N, C-alpha and C. Protein backbone atom coordinates (compact mmCIF):
# COMPACT_ATOMS: atom_id res chain seq x y z
N ALA A 1 0.84 -1.19 0.00
CA ALA A 1 0.00 0.00 0.00
C ALA A 1 0.89 1.24 0.00
N PRO A 2 0.54 2.24 -0.78
CA PRO A 2 1.34 3.46 -0.81
C PRO A 2 1.21 4.26 0.48
N ILE A 3 2.28 4.96 0.83
CA ILE A 3 2.30 5.89 1.96
C ILE A 3 2.47 7.28 1.38
N TYR A 4 1.62 8.21 1.81
CA TYR A 4 1.61 9.56 1.28
C TYR A 4 2.15 10.56 2.31
N ALA A 5 2.84 11.58 1.84
CA ALA A 5 3.32 12.64 2.72
C ALA A 5 2.11 13.36 3.33
N ALA A 6 2.13 13.54 4.65
CA ALA A 6 1.03 14.19 5.34
C ALA A 6 0.95 15.68 5.02
N ASN A 7 2.08 16.27 4.64
CA ASN A 7 2.14 17.68 4.29
C ASN A 7 3.42 17.89 3.48
N SER A 8 3.53 19.02 2.84
CA SER A 8 4.74 19.34 2.07
C SER A 8 5.91 19.56 3.01
N GLY A 9 7.11 19.29 2.52
CA GLY A 9 8.30 19.52 3.31
C GLY A 9 9.52 18.87 2.71
N THR A 10 10.61 18.87 3.47
CA THR A 10 11.88 18.32 3.03
C THR A 10 12.18 17.02 3.78
N VAL A 11 12.48 15.98 3.03
CA VAL A 11 12.88 14.70 3.62
C VAL A 11 14.24 14.91 4.29
N ASP A 12 14.32 14.66 5.60
CA ASP A 12 15.62 14.81 6.26
C ASP A 12 16.20 13.47 6.69
N TYR A 13 15.45 12.38 6.51
CA TYR A 13 16.00 11.05 6.74
C TYR A 13 15.21 10.05 5.92
N ALA A 14 15.91 9.14 5.26
CA ALA A 14 15.28 8.07 4.50
C ALA A 14 16.22 6.87 4.52
N GLY A 15 15.90 5.88 5.35
CA GLY A 15 16.76 4.71 5.44
C GLY A 15 16.40 3.84 6.62
N ALA A 16 17.31 2.95 6.98
CA ALA A 16 17.10 2.03 8.10
C ALA A 16 17.17 2.79 9.42
N ASN A 17 16.32 2.39 10.37
CA ASN A 17 16.27 3.07 11.66
C ASN A 17 15.90 2.09 12.78
N GLY A 18 16.77 1.12 13.03
CA GLY A 18 16.59 0.19 14.15
C GLY A 18 15.25 -0.51 14.17
N ASN A 19 14.58 -0.45 15.33
CA ASN A 19 13.30 -1.13 15.50
C ASN A 19 12.21 -0.60 14.58
N TYR A 20 12.39 0.61 14.07
CA TYR A 20 11.42 1.18 13.13
C TYR A 20 11.59 0.60 11.72
N GLY A 21 12.64 -0.15 11.51
CA GLY A 21 12.89 -0.67 10.16
C GLY A 21 13.18 0.46 9.20
N ASN A 22 12.74 0.32 7.98
CA ASN A 22 12.92 1.38 6.99
C ASN A 22 12.02 2.55 7.36
N TYR A 23 12.59 3.75 7.32
CA TYR A 23 11.94 4.91 7.94
C TYR A 23 12.18 6.16 7.10
N VAL A 24 11.15 7.02 7.04
CA VAL A 24 11.26 8.32 6.39
C VAL A 24 10.80 9.37 7.39
N ARG A 25 11.55 10.48 7.47
CA ARG A 25 11.13 11.63 8.28
C ARG A 25 11.11 12.86 7.39
N ILE A 26 10.06 13.66 7.53
CA ILE A 26 9.89 14.87 6.73
C ILE A 26 9.77 16.07 7.66
N GLN A 27 10.57 17.10 7.40
CA GLN A 27 10.49 18.37 8.12
C GLN A 27 9.51 19.27 7.36
N HIS A 28 8.48 19.75 8.06
CA HIS A 28 7.44 20.55 7.41
C HIS A 28 7.58 22.05 7.69
N GLY A 29 8.47 22.43 8.57
CA GLY A 29 8.62 23.83 8.94
C GLY A 29 7.86 24.13 10.22
N GLY A 30 8.22 25.22 10.87
CA GLY A 30 7.55 25.61 12.10
C GLY A 30 7.74 24.62 13.23
N GLY A 31 8.81 23.82 13.17
CA GLY A 31 9.08 22.84 14.22
C GLY A 31 8.30 21.55 14.10
N VAL A 32 7.54 21.38 13.02
CA VAL A 32 6.72 20.18 12.83
C VAL A 32 7.39 19.21 11.87
N SER A 33 7.44 17.94 12.26
CA SER A 33 7.94 16.89 11.37
C SER A 33 7.07 15.65 11.52
N THR A 34 7.11 14.78 10.51
CA THR A 34 6.36 13.53 10.56
C THR A 34 7.30 12.38 10.26
N GLY A 35 7.02 11.22 10.88
CA GLY A 35 7.81 10.02 10.67
C GLY A 35 6.94 8.88 10.20
N TYR A 36 7.51 8.05 9.34
CA TYR A 36 6.79 6.94 8.71
C TYR A 36 7.68 5.70 8.83
N ALA A 37 7.22 4.67 9.54
CA ALA A 37 8.08 3.52 9.85
C ALA A 37 7.52 2.20 9.33
N HIS A 38 8.39 1.19 9.30
CA HIS A 38 8.11 -0.19 8.89
C HIS A 38 7.87 -0.31 7.39
N ILE A 39 8.52 0.56 6.63
CA ILE A 39 8.40 0.56 5.17
C ILE A 39 9.02 -0.71 4.60
N LYS A 40 8.39 -1.26 3.57
CA LYS A 40 8.86 -2.53 3.01
C LYS A 40 10.26 -2.41 2.42
N PRO A 41 10.99 -3.52 2.35
CA PRO A 41 12.33 -3.50 1.74
C PRO A 41 12.26 -2.94 0.32
N GLY A 42 13.10 -1.97 0.03
CA GLY A 42 13.09 -1.34 -1.29
C GLY A 42 11.92 -0.41 -1.52
N GLY A 43 11.14 -0.14 -0.47
CA GLY A 43 9.90 0.62 -0.62
C GLY A 43 10.02 2.12 -0.44
N ILE A 44 11.20 2.63 -0.10
CA ILE A 44 11.37 4.08 0.03
C ILE A 44 11.61 4.66 -1.36
N VAL A 45 10.79 5.63 -1.76
CA VAL A 45 10.91 6.18 -3.12
C VAL A 45 11.32 7.65 -3.11
N VAL A 46 11.77 8.15 -1.94
CA VAL A 46 12.30 9.51 -1.83
C VAL A 46 13.71 9.42 -1.26
N ARG A 47 14.42 10.54 -1.26
CA ARG A 47 15.78 10.56 -0.73
C ARG A 47 15.94 11.76 0.21
N SER A 48 16.91 11.66 1.08
CA SER A 48 17.20 12.75 2.00
C SER A 48 17.52 14.02 1.22
N GLY A 49 16.94 15.13 1.65
CA GLY A 49 17.13 16.41 0.99
C GLY A 49 16.09 16.73 -0.06
N GLN A 50 15.27 15.76 -0.42
CA GLN A 50 14.26 15.96 -1.46
C GLN A 50 13.05 16.71 -0.91
N TRP A 51 12.52 17.65 -1.70
CA TRP A 51 11.27 18.34 -1.38
C TRP A 51 10.11 17.46 -1.83
N VAL A 52 9.11 17.27 -0.96
CA VAL A 52 7.93 16.50 -1.33
C VAL A 52 6.68 17.35 -1.13
N GLN A 53 5.68 17.07 -1.94
CA GLN A 53 4.39 17.76 -1.85
C GLN A 53 3.44 16.97 -0.96
N SER A 54 2.51 17.66 -0.34
CA SER A 54 1.46 17.01 0.42
C SER A 54 0.74 15.99 -0.47
N GLY A 55 0.58 14.77 0.00
CA GLY A 55 -0.10 13.74 -0.75
C GLY A 55 0.76 12.96 -1.72
N GLN A 56 2.03 13.32 -1.84
CA GLN A 56 2.94 12.61 -2.74
C GLN A 56 3.29 11.24 -2.15
N VAL A 57 3.36 10.22 -2.99
CA VAL A 57 3.80 8.90 -2.52
C VAL A 57 5.28 8.99 -2.14
N ILE A 58 5.59 8.59 -0.91
CA ILE A 58 6.97 8.63 -0.42
C ILE A 58 7.53 7.23 -0.18
N ALA A 59 6.65 6.24 -0.04
CA ALA A 59 7.09 4.88 0.29
C ALA A 59 5.91 3.92 0.18
N TYR A 60 6.21 2.65 0.51
CA TYR A 60 5.18 1.60 0.50
C TYR A 60 5.25 0.83 1.82
N ALA A 61 4.09 0.59 2.41
CA ALA A 61 3.99 -0.05 3.72
C ALA A 61 4.57 -1.46 3.71
N GLY A 62 5.14 -1.83 4.85
CA GLY A 62 5.72 -3.16 4.99
C GLY A 62 5.73 -3.58 6.45
N ASP A 63 6.68 -4.44 6.79
CA ASP A 63 6.79 -4.89 8.18
C ASP A 63 8.25 -5.04 8.61
N THR A 64 9.10 -4.12 8.17
CA THR A 64 10.50 -4.14 8.57
C THR A 64 10.65 -3.68 10.02
N GLY A 65 11.80 -4.01 10.60
CA GLY A 65 12.06 -3.64 11.99
C GLY A 65 11.28 -4.53 12.94
N ARG A 66 10.98 -3.99 14.10
CA ARG A 66 10.23 -4.75 15.12
C ARG A 66 8.74 -4.59 14.82
N SER A 67 8.25 -5.45 13.97
CA SER A 67 6.88 -5.36 13.47
C SER A 67 6.34 -6.77 13.30
N PHE A 68 5.06 -6.92 13.49
CA PHE A 68 4.43 -8.24 13.39
C PHE A 68 3.31 -8.25 12.36
N GLY A 69 3.51 -7.52 11.29
CA GLY A 69 2.54 -7.48 10.20
C GLY A 69 2.66 -6.17 9.46
N CYS A 70 2.20 -6.18 8.25
CA CYS A 70 2.28 -4.99 7.39
C CYS A 70 1.40 -3.87 7.95
N HIS A 71 2.02 -2.73 8.22
CA HIS A 71 1.28 -1.55 8.69
C HIS A 71 2.18 -0.33 8.60
N LEU A 72 1.58 0.83 8.76
CA LEU A 72 2.33 2.08 8.85
C LEU A 72 2.34 2.55 10.30
N HIS A 73 3.51 2.83 10.82
CA HIS A 73 3.65 3.50 12.11
C HIS A 73 3.90 4.96 11.78
N PHE A 74 2.95 5.84 12.12
CA PHE A 74 3.00 7.26 11.76
C PHE A 74 3.21 8.08 13.02
N GLU A 75 4.13 9.03 12.95
CA GLU A 75 4.42 9.89 14.10
C GLU A 75 4.40 11.36 13.69
N VAL A 76 3.99 12.19 14.64
CA VAL A 76 4.07 13.64 14.47
C VAL A 76 4.93 14.18 15.61
N TYR A 77 5.91 15.00 15.26
CA TYR A 77 6.80 15.63 16.24
C TYR A 77 6.60 17.14 16.18
N ILE A 78 6.61 17.76 17.34
CA ILE A 78 6.59 19.22 17.42
C ILE A 78 7.81 19.63 18.22
N ASN A 79 8.68 20.42 17.60
CA ASN A 79 9.95 20.83 18.22
C ASN A 79 10.72 19.63 18.76
N GLY A 80 10.72 18.54 18.00
CA GLY A 80 11.50 17.36 18.34
C GLY A 80 10.84 16.39 19.30
N GLY A 81 9.68 16.76 19.88
CA GLY A 81 9.00 15.88 20.82
C GLY A 81 7.79 15.20 20.20
N TYR A 82 7.53 13.97 20.64
CA TYR A 82 6.35 13.25 20.15
C TYR A 82 5.08 13.98 20.58
N THR A 83 4.07 13.86 19.75
CA THR A 83 2.76 14.40 20.15
C THR A 83 1.77 13.27 20.30
């Protein structure tokens, strides 16, 4: 299943991230960022430093890392803290 960017911004990480498996993080500005985890092997379709538009496909869901089935783990950070 495709994973879409929650808002426009700059990809600041795209790669392996421990228990999160394959992971993408997007900085949206104003201290807000979003994280997308457990992306399938080879499923990241953006790169660090790339600008993405809201709704753009950034990856495909999987079960990498500490996961027990295909799903998206979605996070929102404000000023570096989880919300």
